[in-house]
PDB file of N, CA and C in Angstrom:
ATOM      1  N   MET A   1       0.819  -1.197   0.000  1.00  0.00           N
ATOM      2  CA  MET A   1       0.000   0.000   0.000  1.00  0.00           C
ATOM      3  C   MET A   1       0.866   1.265   0.000  1.00  0.00           C
ATOM      4  N   LEU A   2       1.925   1.280   0.818  1.00  0.00           N
ATOM      5  CA  LEU A   2       2.817   2.447   0.858  1.00  0.00           C
ATOM      6  C   LEU A   2       3.550   2.645  -0.462  1.00  0.00           C
ATOM      7  N   ILE A   3       3.907   1.532  -1.108  1.00  0.00           N
ATOM      8  CA  ILE A   3       4.584   1.643  -2.406  1.00  0.00           C
ATOM      9  C   ILE A   3       3.642   2.247  -3.434  1.00  0.00           C
ATOM     10  N   ASP A   4       2.374   1.836  -3.409  1.00  0.00           N
ATOM     11  CA  ASP A   4       1.392   2.409  -4.337  1.00  0.00           C
ATOM     12  C   ASP A   4       1.192   3.902  -4.095  1.00  0.00           C
ATOM     13  N   ILE A   5       1.112   4.299  -2.861  1.00  0.00           N
ATOM     14  CA  ILE A   5       0.939   5.722  -2.545  1.00  0.00           C
ATOM     15  C   ILE A   5       2.167   6.514  -2.982  1.00  0.00           C
ATOM     16  N   GLY A   6       3.347   6.005  -2.655  1.00  0.00           N
ATOM     17  CA  GLY A   6       4.584   6.679  -3.071  1.00  0.00           C
ATOM     18  C   GLY A   6       4.702   6.769  -4.576  1.00  0.00           C
ATOM     19  N   SER A   7       4.312   5.702  -5.258  1.00  0.00           N
ATOM     20  CA  SER A   7       4.367   5.691  -6.715  1.00  0.00           C
ATOM     21  C   SER A   7       3.433   6.738  -7.310  1.00  0.00           C
ATOM     22  N   TRP A   8       2.211   6.815  -6.808  1.00  0.00           N
ATOM     23  CA  TRP A   8       1.255   7.784  -7.343  1.00  0.00           C
ATOM     24  C   TRP A   8       1.643   9.215  -7.007  1.00  0.00           C
ATOM     25  N   VAL A   9       2.277   9.409  -5.855  1.00  0.00           N
ATOM     26  CA  VAL A   9       2.777  10.752  -5.523  1.00  0.00           C
ATOM     27  C   VAL A   9       3.860  11.155  -6.518  1.00  0.00           C
ATOM     28  N   LEU A  10       4.789  10.237  -6.798  1.00  0.00           N
ATOM     29  CA  LEU A  10       5.850  10.539  -7.758  1.00  0.00           C
ATOM     30  C   LEU A  10       5.290  10.770  -9.161  1.00  0.00           C
ATOM     31  N   LEU A  11       4.336   9.945  -9.569  1.00  0.00           N
ATOM     32  CA  LEU A  11       3.727  10.127 -10.890  1.00  0.00           C
ATOM     33  C   LEU A  11       2.992  11.461 -10.989  1.00  0.00           C
ATOM     34  N   SER A  12       2.291  11.828  -9.944  1.00  0.00           N
ATOM     35  CA  SER A  12       1.563  13.109  -9.949  1.00  0.00           C
ATOM     36  C   SER A  12       2.524  14.292  -9.965  1.00  0.00           C
ATOM     37  N   LEU A  13       3.562  14.218  -9.146  1.00  0.00           N
ATOM     38  CA  LEU A  13       4.560  15.295  -9.152  1.00  0.00           C
ATOM     39  C   LEU A  13       5.259  15.395 -10.506  1.00  0.00           C
ATOM     40  N   GLY A  14       5.569  14.250 -11.101  1.00  0.00           N
ATOM     41  CA  GLY A  14       6.193  14.256 -12.422  1.00  0.00           C
ATOM     42  C   GLY A  14       5.298  14.886 -13.465  1.00  0.00           C
ATOM     43  N   GLY A  15       4.008  14.555 -13.430  1.00  0.00           N
ATOM     44  CA  GLY A  15       3.061  15.180 -14.352  1.00  0.00           C
ATOM     45  C   GLY A  15       2.956  16.676 -14.131  1.00  0.00           C
ATOM     46  N   PHE A  16       3.004  17.092 -12.870  1.00  0.00           N
ATOM     47  CA  PHE A  16       2.969  18.518 -12.558  1.00  0.00           C
ATOM     48  C   PHE A  16       4.191  19.234 -13.141  1.00  0.00           C
ATOM     49  N   PHE A  17       5.381  18.642 -12.978  1.00  0.00           N
ATOM     50  CA  PHE A  17       6.588  19.260 -13.511  1.00  0.00           C
ATOM     51  C   PHE A  17       6.540  19.352 -15.034  1.00  0.00           C
ATOM     52  N   VAL A  18       6.049  18.326 -15.696  1.00  0.00           N
ATOM     53  CA  VAL A  18       5.942  18.365 -17.153  1.00  0.00           C
ATOM     54  C   VAL A  18       4.950  19.446 -17.576  1.00  0.00           C
ATOM     55  N   PHE A  19       3.840  19.563 -16.859  1.00  0.00           N
ATOM     56  CA  PHE A  19       2.854  20.603 -17.159  1.00  0.00           C
ATOM     57  C   PHE A  19       3.446  21.998 -16.976  1.00  0.00           C
ATOM     58  N   VAL A  20       4.162  22.210 -15.879  1.00  0.00           N
ATOM     59  CA  VAL A  20       4.785  23.513 -15.624  1.00  0.00           C
ATOM     60  C   VAL A  20       5.822  23.821 -16.707  1.00  0.00           C
ATOM     61  N   GLY A  21       6.562  22.816 -17.145  1.00  0.00           N
ATOM     62  CA  GLY A  21       7.520  23.031 -18.233  1.00  0.00           C
ATOM     63  C   GLY A  21       6.837  23.448 -19.517  1.00  0.00           C
ATOM     64  N   GLY A  22       5.700  22.830 -19.813  1.00  0.00           N
ATOM     65  CA  GLY A  22       4.943  23.215 -21.010  1.00  0.00           C
ATOM     66  C   GLY A  22       4.414  24.632 -20.922  1.00  0.00           C
ATOM     67  N   VAL A  23       3.921  25.003 -19.763  1.00  0.00           N
ATOM     68  CA  VAL A  23       3.449  26.381 -19.572  1.00  0.00           C
ATOM     69  C   VAL A  23       4.620  27.349 -19.679  1.00  0.00           C
ATOM     70  N   GLY A  24       5.774  26.963 -19.133  1.00  0.00           N
ATOM     71  CA  GLY A  24       6.958  27.814 -19.214  1.00  0.00           C
ATOM     72  C   GLY A  24       7.398  28.045 -20.648  1.00  0.00           C
ATOM     73  N   VAL A  25       7.313  27.010 -21.467  1.00  0.00           N
ATOM     74  CA  VAL A  25       7.683  27.156 -22.875  1.00  0.00           C
ATOM     75  C   VAL A  25       6.735  28.128 -23.574  1.00  0.00           C
ATOM     76  N   LEU A  26       5.478  28.091 -23.219  1.00  0.00           N
ATOM     77  CA  LEU A  26       4.514  28.995 -23.848  1.00  0.00           C
ATOM     78  C   LEU A  26       4.630  30.428 -23.338  1.00  0.00           C
ATOM     79  N   ARG A  27       5.007  30.609 -22.088  1.00  0.00           N
ATOM     80  CA  ARG A  27       4.957  31.934 -21.464  1.00  0.00           C
ATOM     81  C   ARG A  27       6.274  32.700 -21.481  1.00  0.00           C
ATOM     82  N   MET A  28       7.405  32.024 -21.608  1.00  0.00           N
ATOM     83  CA  MET A  28       8.692  32.717 -21.532  1.00  0.00           C
ATOM     84  C   MET A  28       8.947  33.537 -22.790  1.00  0.00           C
ATOM     85  N   PRO A  29       9.714  34.629 -22.660  1.00  0.00           N
ATOM     86  CA  PRO A  29       9.815  35.585 -23.760  1.00  0.00           C
ATOM     87  C   PRO A  29      10.792  35.229 -24.883  1.00  0.00           C
ATOM     88  N   ASN A  30      11.832  34.439 -24.621  1.00  0.00           N
ATOM     89  CA  ASN A  30      12.805  34.191 -25.687  1.00  0.00           C
ATOM     90  C   ASN A  30      13.292  32.746 -25.665  1.00  0.00           C
ATOM     91  N   LEU A  31      14.128  32.417 -26.631  1.00  0.00           N
ATOM     92  CA  LEU A  31      14.595  31.040 -26.801  1.00  0.00           C
ATOM     93  C   LEU A  31      15.310  30.514 -25.571  1.00  0.00           C
ATOM     94  N   TYR A  32      16.193  31.291 -25.005  1.00  0.00           N
ATOM     95  CA  TYR A  32      17.018  30.799 -23.907  1.00  0.00           C
ATOM     96  C   TYR A  32      16.202  30.543 -22.640  1.00  0.00           C
ATOM     97  N   THR A  33      15.260  31.405 -22.339  1.00  0.00           N
ATOM     98  CA  THR A  33      14.440  31.165 -21.156  1.00  0.00           C
ATOM     99  C   THR A  33      13.450  30.018 -21.400  1.00  0.00           C
ATOM    100  N   ARG A  34      12.961  29.887 -22.623  1.00  0.00           N
ATOM    101  CA  ARG A  34      12.092  28.756 -22.953  1.00  0.00           C
ATOM    102  C   ARG A  34      12.852  27.445 -22.851  1.00  0.00           C
ATOM    103  N   MET A  35      14.062  27.458 -23.364  1.00  0.00           N
ATOM    104  CA  MET A  35      14.887  26.253 -23.321  1.00  0.00           C
ATOM    105  C   MET A  35      15.188  25.862 -21.875  1.00  0.00           C
ATOM    106  N   HIS A  36      15.448  26.839 -21.027  1.00  0.00           N
ATOM    107  CA  HIS A  36      15.730  26.563 -19.620  1.00  0.00           C
ATOM    108  C   HIS A  36      14.497  25.969 -18.933  1.00  0.00           C
ATOM    109  N   ALA A  37      13.345  26.578 -19.188  1.00  0.00           N
ATOM    110  CA  ALA A  37      12.108  26.076 -18.577  1.00  0.00           C
ATOM    111  C   ALA A  37      11.831  24.643 -19.009  1.00  0.00           C
ATOM    112  N   ALA A  38      12.018  24.373 -20.270  1.00  0.00           N
ATOM    113  CA  ALA A  38      11.725  23.031 -20.781  1.00  0.00           C
ATOM    114  C   ALA A  38      12.726  22.000 -20.283  1.00  0.00           C
ATOM    115  N   SER A  39      13.999  22.331 -20.320  1.00  0.00           N
ATOM    116  CA  SER A  39      15.001  21.315 -19.983  1.00  0.00           C
ATOM    117  C   SER A  39      14.994  20.966 -18.505  1.00  0.00           C
ATOM    118  N   VAL A  40      14.882  21.943 -17.643  1.00  0.00           N
ATOM    119  CA  VAL A  40      14.931  21.672 -16.206  1.00  0.00           C
ATOM    120  C   VAL A  40      13.674  20.940 -15.742  1.00  0.00           C
ATOM    121  N   THR A  41      12.514  21.453 -16.086  1.00  0.00           N
ATOM    122  CA  THR A  41      11.292  20.850 -15.569  1.00  0.00           C
ATOM    123  C   THR A  41      10.978  19.516 -16.229  1.00  0.00           C
ATOM    124  N   ASP A  42      11.253  19.383 -17.519  1.00  0.00           N
ATOM    125  CA  ASP A  42      10.970  18.109 -18.175  1.00  0.00           C
ATOM    126  C   ASP A  42      11.921  17.014 -17.719  1.00  0.00           C
ATOM    127  N   THR A  43      13.169  17.361 -17.432  1.00  0.00           N
ATOM    128  CA  THR A  43      14.090  16.364 -16.905  1.00  0.00           C
ATOM    129  C   THR A  43      13.632  15.897 -15.527  1.00  0.00           C
ATOM    130  N   MET A  44      13.258  16.828 -14.674  1.00  0.00           N
ATOM    131  CA  MET A  44      12.780  16.448 -13.346  1.00  0.00           C
ATOM    132  C   MET A  44      11.471  15.663 -13.447  1.00  0.00           C
ATOM    133  N   GLY A  45      10.587  16.084 -14.330  1.00  0.00           N
ATOM    134  CA  GLY A  45       9.334  15.358 -14.521  1.00  0.00           C
ATOM    135  C   GLY A  45       9.568  13.937 -15.004  1.00  0.00           C
ATOM    136  N   ALA A  46      10.485  13.768 -15.942  1.00  0.00           N
ATOM    137  CA  ALA A  46      10.790  12.429 -16.446  1.00  0.00           C
ATOM    138  C   ALA A  46      11.390  11.547 -15.359  1.00  0.00           C
ATOM    139  N   ILE A  47      12.264  12.120 -14.543  1.00  0.00           N
ATOM    140  CA  ILE A  47      12.855  11.353 -13.439  1.00  0.00           C
ATOM    141  C   ILE A  47      11.763  10.872 -12.492  1.00  0.00           C
ATOM    142  N   LEU A  48      10.890  11.779 -12.081  1.00  0.00           N
ATOM    143  CA  LEU A  48       9.836  11.417 -11.134  1.00  0.00           C
ATOM    144  C   LEU A  48       8.877  10.381 -11.722  1.00  0.00           C
ATOM    145  N   ILE A  49       8.505  10.543 -12.970  1.00  0.00           N
ATOM    146  CA  ILE A  49       7.580   9.601 -13.600  1.00  0.00           C
ATOM    147  C   ILE A  49       8.221   8.225 -13.731  1.00  0.00           C
ATOM    148  N   ILE A  50       9.449   8.168 -14.180  1.00  0.00           N
ATOM    149  CA  ILE A  50      10.103   6.870 -14.353  1.00  0.00           C
ATOM    150  C   ILE A  50      10.327   6.184 -13.012  1.00  0.00           C
ATOM    151  N   VAL A  51      10.719   6.926 -11.992  1.00  0.00           N
ATOM    152  CA  VAL A  51      10.888   6.315 -10.668  1.00  0.00           C
ATOM    153  C   VAL A  51       9.544   5.824 -10.136  1.00  0.00           C
ATOM    154  N   GLY A  52       8.477   6.574 -10.376  1.00  0.00           N
ATOM    155  CA  GLY A  52       7.147   6.125  -9.972  1.00  0.00           C
ATOM    156  C   GLY A  52       6.743   4.835 -10.670  1.00  0.00           C
ATOM    157  N   ILE A  53       7.044   4.725 -11.953  1.00  0.00           N
ATOM    158  CA  ILE A  53       6.745   3.493 -12.689  1.00  0.00           C
ATOM    159  C   ILE A  53       7.628   2.351 -12.195  1.00  0.00           C
ATOM    160  N   MET A  54       8.882   2.667 -11.858  1.00  0.00           N
ATOM    161  CA  MET A  54       9.770   1.628 -11.330  1.00  0.00           C
ATOM    162  C   MET A  54       9.233   1.057 -10.017  1.00  0.00           C
ATOM    163  N   LEU A  55       8.663   1.907  -9.178  1.00  0.00           N
ATOM    164  CA  LEU A  55       8.057   1.420  -7.942  1.00  0.00           C
ATOM    165  C   LEU A  55       6.878   0.496  -8.240  1.00  0.00           C
ATOM    166  N   GLN A  56       6.096   0.829  -9.247  1.00  0.00           N
ATOM    167  CA  GLN A  56       4.965  -0.023  -9.627  1.00  0.00           C
ATOM    168  C   GLN A  56       5.431  -1.356 -10.207  1.00  0.00           C
ATOM    169  N   ALA A  57       6.551  -1.350 -10.929  1.00  0.00           N
ATOM    170  CA  ALA A  57       7.036  -2.564 -11.588  1.00  0.00           C
ATOM    171  C   ALA A  57       7.664  -3.543 -10.605  1.00  0.00           C
ATOM    172  N   GLY A  58       8.168  -3.039  -9.498  1.00  0.00           N
ATOM    173  CA  GLY A  58       8.811  -3.929  -8.528  1.00  0.00           C
ATOM    174  C   GLY A  58      10.174  -4.390  -9.022  1.00  0.00           C
ATOM    175  N   ALA A  59      10.670  -5.480  -8.443  1.00  0.00           N
ATOM    176  CA  ALA A  59      11.982  -6.024  -8.825  1.00  0.00           C
ATOM    177  C   ALA A  59      11.794  -6.947 -10.026  1.00  0.00           C
ATOM    178  N   SER A  60      11.935  -6.384 -11.225  1.00  0.00           N
ATOM    179  CA  SER A  60      11.740  -7.177 -12.443  1.00  0.00           C
ATOM    180  C   SER A  60      12.643  -6.641 -13.549  1.00  0.00           C
ATOM    181  N   LEU A  61      12.570  -7.308 -14.679  1.00  0.00           N
ATOM    182  CA  LEU A  61      13.334  -6.868 -15.837  1.00  0.00           C
ATOM    183  C   LEU A  61      12.865  -5.493 -16.313  1.00  0.00           C
ATOM    184  N   ALA A  62      11.591  -5.209 -16.140  1.00  0.00           N
ATOM    185  CA  ALA A  62      11.055  -3.903 -16.534  1.00  0.00           C
ATOM    186  C   ALA A  62      11.728  -2.779 -15.753  1.00  0.00           C
ATOM    187  N   THR A  63      12.037  -3.013 -14.481  1.00  0.00           N
ATOM    188  CA  THR A  63      12.709  -2.004 -13.664  1.00  0.00           C
ATOM    189  C   THR A  63      14.117  -1.734 -14.186  1.00  0.00           C
ATOM    190  N   VAL A  64      14.801  -2.775 -14.596  1.00  0.00           N
ATOM    191  CA  VAL A  64      16.145  -2.608 -15.160  1.00  0.00           C
ATOM    192  C   VAL A  64      16.072  -1.810 -16.456  1.00  0.00           C
ATOM    193  N   LYS A  65      15.092  -2.100 -17.282  1.00  0.00           N
ATOM    194  CA  LYS A  65      14.925  -1.355 -18.536  1.00  0.00           C
ATOM    195  C   LYS A  65      14.579   0.100 -18.269  1.00  0.00           C
ATOM    196  N   LEU A  66      13.727   0.336 -17.279  1.00  0.00           N
ATOM    197  CA  LEU A  66      13.375   1.709 -16.922  1.00  0.00           C
ATOM    198  C   LEU A  66      14.586   2.464 -16.382  1.00  0.00           C
ATOM    199  N   ALA A  67      15.439   1.782 -15.623  1.00  0.00           N
ATOM    200  CA  ALA A  67      16.666   2.415 -15.120  1.00  0.00           C
ATOM    201  C   ALA A  67      17.585   2.785 -16.284  1.00  0.00           C
ATOM    202  N   ALA A  68      17.653   1.927 -17.291  1.00  0.00           N
ATOM    203  CA  ALA A  68      18.468   2.236 -18.471  1.00  0.00           C
ATOM    204  C   ALA A  68      17.902   3.437 -19.222  1.00  0.00           C
ATOM    205  N   ILE A  69      16.601   3.504 -19.348  1.00  0.00           N
ATOM    206  CA  ILE A  69      15.964   4.653 -19.998  1.00  0.00           C
ATOM    207  C   ILE A  69      16.230   5.927 -19.205  1.00  0.00           C
ATOM    208  N   LEU A  70      16.134   5.826 -17.886  1.00  0.00           N
ATOM    209  CA  LEU A  70      16.397   6.982 -17.029  1.00  0.00           C
ATOM    210  C   LEU A  70      17.828   7.472 -17.202  1.00  0.00           C
ATOM    211  N   LEU A  71      18.775   6.564 -17.225  1.00  0.00           N
ATOM    212  CA  LEU A  71      20.176   6.940 -17.435  1.00  0.00           C
ATOM    213  C   LEU A  71      20.358   7.616 -18.794  1.00  0.00           C
ATOM    214  N   PHE A  72      19.726   7.060 -19.821  1.00  0.00           N
ATOM    215  CA  PHE A  72      19.801   7.649 -21.160  1.00  0.00           C
ATOM    216  C   PHE A  72      19.222   9.063 -21.167  1.00  0.00           C
ATOM    217  N   LEU A  73      18.084   9.264 -20.524  1.00  0.00           N
ATOM    218  CA  LEU A  73      17.479  10.601 -20.457  1.00  0.00           C
ATOM    219  C   LEU A  73      18.361  11.588 -19.700  1.00  0.00           C
ATOM    220  N   LEU A  74      18.970  11.132 -18.618  1.00  0.00           N
ATOM    221  CA  LEU A  74      19.826  12.021 -17.835  1.00  0.00           C
ATOM    222  C   LEU A  74      21.082  12.427 -18.605  1.00  0.00           C
ATOM    223  N   LEU A  75      21.507  11.604 -19.537  1.00  0.00           N
ATOM    224  CA  LEU A  75      22.670  11.950 -20.352  1.00  0.00           C
ATOM    225  C   LEU A  75      22.305  12.796 -21.566  1.00  0.00           C
ATOM    226  N   THR A  76      21.167  12.520 -22.175  1.00  0.00           N
ATOM    227  CA  THR A  76      20.840  13.188 -23.433  1.00  0.00           C
ATOM    228  C   THR A  76      20.115  14.521 -23.275  1.00  0.00           C
ATOM    229  N   SER A  77      19.315  14.680 -22.249  1.00  0.00           N
ATOM    230  CA  SER A  77      18.551  15.923 -22.102  1.00  0.00           C
ATOM    231  C   SER A  77      19.451  17.147 -21.916  1.00  0.00           C
ATOM    232  N   PRO A  78      20.413  17.118 -20.996  1.00  0.00           N
ATOM    233  CA  PRO A  78      21.302  18.278 -20.896  1.00  0.00           C
ATOM    234  C   PRO A  78      22.172  18.481 -22.139  1.00  0.00           C
ATOM    235  N   THR A  79      22.545  17.380 -22.771  1.00  0.00           N
ATOM    236  CA  THR A  79      23.348  17.483 -23.996  1.00  0.00           C
ATOM    237  C   THR A  79      22.548  18.146 -25.112  1.00  0.00           C
ATOM    238  N   ALA A  80      21.286  17.782 -25.244  1.00  0.00           N
ATOM    239  CA  ALA A  80      20.440  18.386 -26.275  1.00  0.00           C
ATOM    240  C   ALA A  80      20.221  19.870 -26.005  1.00  0.00           C
ATOM    241  N   SER A  81      20.023  20.238 -24.752  1.00  0.00           N
ATOM    242  CA  SER A  81      19.851  21.658 -24.408  1.00  0.00           C
ATOM    243  C   SER A  81      21.111  22.445 -24.711  1.00  0.00           C
ATOM    244  N   ASN A  82      22.257  21.871 -24.402  1.00  0.00           N
ATOM    245  CA  ASN A  82      23.524  22.529 -24.693  1.00  0.00           C
ATOM    246  C   ASN A  82      23.721  22.678 -26.196  1.00  0.00           C
ATOM    247  N   ALA A  83      23.376  21.655 -26.960  1.00  0.00           N
ATOM    248  CA  ALA A  83      23.514  21.733 -28.419  1.00  0.00           C
ATOM    249  C   ALA A  83      22.591  22.797 -28.999  1.00  0.00           C
ATOM    250  N   LEU A  84      21.379  22.890 -28.473  1.00  0.00           N
ATOM    251  CA  LEU A  84      20.443  23.910 -28.947  1.00  0.00           C
ATOM    252  C   LEU A  84      20.945  25.314 -28.630  1.00  0.00           C
ATOM    253  N   ALA A  85      21.471  25.518 -27.424  1.00  0.00           N
ATOM    254  CA  ALA A  85      22.003  26.833 -27.058  1.00  0.00           C
ATOM    255  C   ALA A  85      23.220  27.181 -27.908  1.00  0.00           C
ATOM    256  N   SER A  86      24.074  26.210 -28.154  1.00  0.00           N
ATOM    257  CA  SER A  86      25.259  26.457 -28.994  1.00  0.00           C
ATOM    258  C   SER A  86      24.858  26.809 -30.417  1.00  0.00           C
ATOM    259  N   ALA A  87      23.863  26.105 -30.957  1.00  0.00           N
ATOM    260  CA  ALA A  87      23.392  26.406 -32.311  1.00  0.00           C
ATOM    261  C   ALA A  87      22.785  27.801 -32.382  1.00  0.00           C
ATOM    262  N   ALA A  88      22.070  28.199 -31.351  1.00  0.00           N
ATOM    263  CA  ALA A  88      21.482  29.547 -31.332  1.00  0.00           C
ATOM    264  C   ALA A  88      22.575  30.608 -31.270  1.00  0.00           C
ATOM    265  N   LEU A  89      23.604  30.353 -30.471  1.00  0.00           N
ATOM    266  CA  LEU A  89      24.712  31.313 -30.405  1.00  0.00           C
ATOM    267  C   LEU A  89      25.449  31.397 -31.732  1.00  0.00           C
ATOM    268  N   LEU A  90      25.674  30.255 -32.380  1.00  0.00           N
ATOM    269  CA  LEU A  90      26.340  30.264 -33.684  1.00  0.00           C
ATOM    270  C   LEU A  90      25.491  30.957 -34.751  1.00  0.00           C
ATOM    271  N   ALA A  91      24.182  30.894 -34.603  1.00  0.00           N
ATOM    272  CA  ALA A  91      23.285  31.562 -35.550  1.00  0.00           C
ATOM    273  C   ALA A  91      23.207  33.068 -35.305  1.00  0.00           C
ATOM    274  N   GLY A  92      23.831  33.530 -34.217  1.00  0.00           N
ATOM    275  CA  GLY A  92      23.871  34.962 -33.955  1.00  0.00           C
ATOM    276  C   GLY A  92      22.856  35.450 -32.948  1.00  0.00           C
ATOM    277  N   LEU A  93      22.122  34.589 -32.318  1.00  0.00           N
ATOM    278  CA  LEU A  93      21.129  34.991 -31.320  1.00  0.00           C
ATOM    279  C   LEU A  93      21.822  35.099 -29.970  1.00  0.00           C
ATOM    280  N   ARG A  94      22.049  36.308 -29.536  1.00  0.00           N
ATOM    281  CA  ARG A  94      22.730  36.542 -28.269  1.00  0.00           C
ATOM    282  C   ARG A  94      21.706  36.651 -27.145  1.00  0.00           C
ATOM    283  N   PRO A  95      21.992  36.095 -25.995  1.00  0.00           N
ATOM    284  CA  PRO A  95      21.017  36.132 -24.895  1.00  0.00           C
ATOM    285  C   PRO A  95      20.654  37.543 -24.448  1.00  0.00           C
ATOM    286  N   SER A  96      21.632  38.435 -24.332  1.00  0.00           N
ATOM    287  CA  SER A  96      21.319  39.776 -23.849  1.00  0.00           C
ATOM    288  C   SER A  96      20.514  40.571 -24.875  1.00  0.00           C
ATOM    289  N   GLU A  97      20.830  40.405 -26.156  1.00  0.00           N
ATOM    290  CA  GLU A  97      20.101  41.127 -27.187  1.00  0.00           C
ATOM    291  C   GLU A  97      18.652  40.660 -27.271  1.00  0.00           C
ATOM    292  N   SER A  98      18.448  39.347 -27.266  1.00  0.00           N
ATOM    293  CA  SER A  98      17.077  38.841 -27.393  1.00  0.00           C
ATOM    294  C   SER A  98      16.262  39.178 -26.151  1.00  0.00           C
ATOM    295  N   THR A  99      16.889  39.150 -24.991  1.00  0.00           N
ATOM    296  CA  THR A  99      16.173  39.473 -23.764  1.00  0.00           C
ATOM    297  C   THR A  99      15.763  40.940 -23.754  1.00  0.00           C
ATOM    298  N   ALA A 100      16.660  41.826 -24.142  1.00  0.00           N
ATOM    299  CA  ALA A 100      16.337  43.245 -24.157  1.00  0.00           C
ATOM    300  C   ALA A 100      15.249  43.560 -25.180  1.00  0.00           C
ATOM    301  N   ALA A 101      15.348  42.969 -26.355  1.00  0.00           N
ATOM    302  CA  ALA A 101      14.352  43.225 -27.404  1.00  0.00           C
ATOM    303  C   ALA A 101      12.995  42.675 -26.996  1.00  0.00           C
ATOM    304  N   ASP A 102      12.971  41.480 -26.433  1.00  0.00           N
ATOM    305  CA  ASP A 102      11.699  40.883 -26.031  1.00  0.00           C
ATOM    306  C   ASP A 102      11.078  41.631 -24.865  1.00  0.00           C
ATOM    307  N   THR A 103      11.907  42.127 -23.962  1.00  0.00           N
ATOM    308  CA  THR A 103      11.392  42.883 -22.827  1.00  0.00           C
ATOM    309  C   THR A 103      10.746  44.182 -23.298  1.00  0.00           C
ATOM    310  N   GLU A 104      11.374  44.847 -24.270  1.00  0.00           N
ATOM    311  CA  GLU A 104      10.798  46.077 -24.807  1.00  0.00           C
ATOM    312  C   GLU A 104       9.483  45.828 -25.517  1.00  0.00           C
ATOM    313  N   ARG A 105       9.376  44.700 -26.252  1.00  0.00           N
ATOM    314  CA  ARG A 105       8.153  44.373 -26.974  1.00  0.00           C
ATOM    315  C   ARG A 105       7.014  44.046 -26.028  1.00  0.00           C
ATOM    316  N   HIS A 106       7.302  43.450 -24.885  1.00  0.00           N
ATOM    317  CA  HIS A 106       6.251  43.015 -23.977  1.00  0.00           C
ATOM    318  C   HIS A 106       5.788  44.112 -23.011  1.00  0.00           C
ATOM    319  N   GLN A 107       6.417  45.259 -23.035  1.00  0.00           N
ATOM    320  CA  GLN A 107       6.028  46.328 -22.100  1.00  0.00           C
ATOM    321  C   GLN A 107       5.016  47.243 -22.692  1.00  0.00           C
TER     322      GLN A 107
END
């Protein structure tokens, strides 16, 4: 019973983090702040959801597979965010310029 409660708490918190990340992507003013909102909250949401599913799966092969997926996500999500930021910088989008321009447009 405690494992089920803990699992559902983790799943609910993970869903909340993913939802907040989606709202952050829609509400933030520029690429860099959107990318930050998405990468941080979605990574935390994925961790919580996968750990919640691992609790439901118990000690089985599915848990090992979920742990491998979790490790893969923890390695690739920050790498993808870094690659996106690097590509934006190479394309000429500077964080201070975009922030200042977007702030002026939203006032």
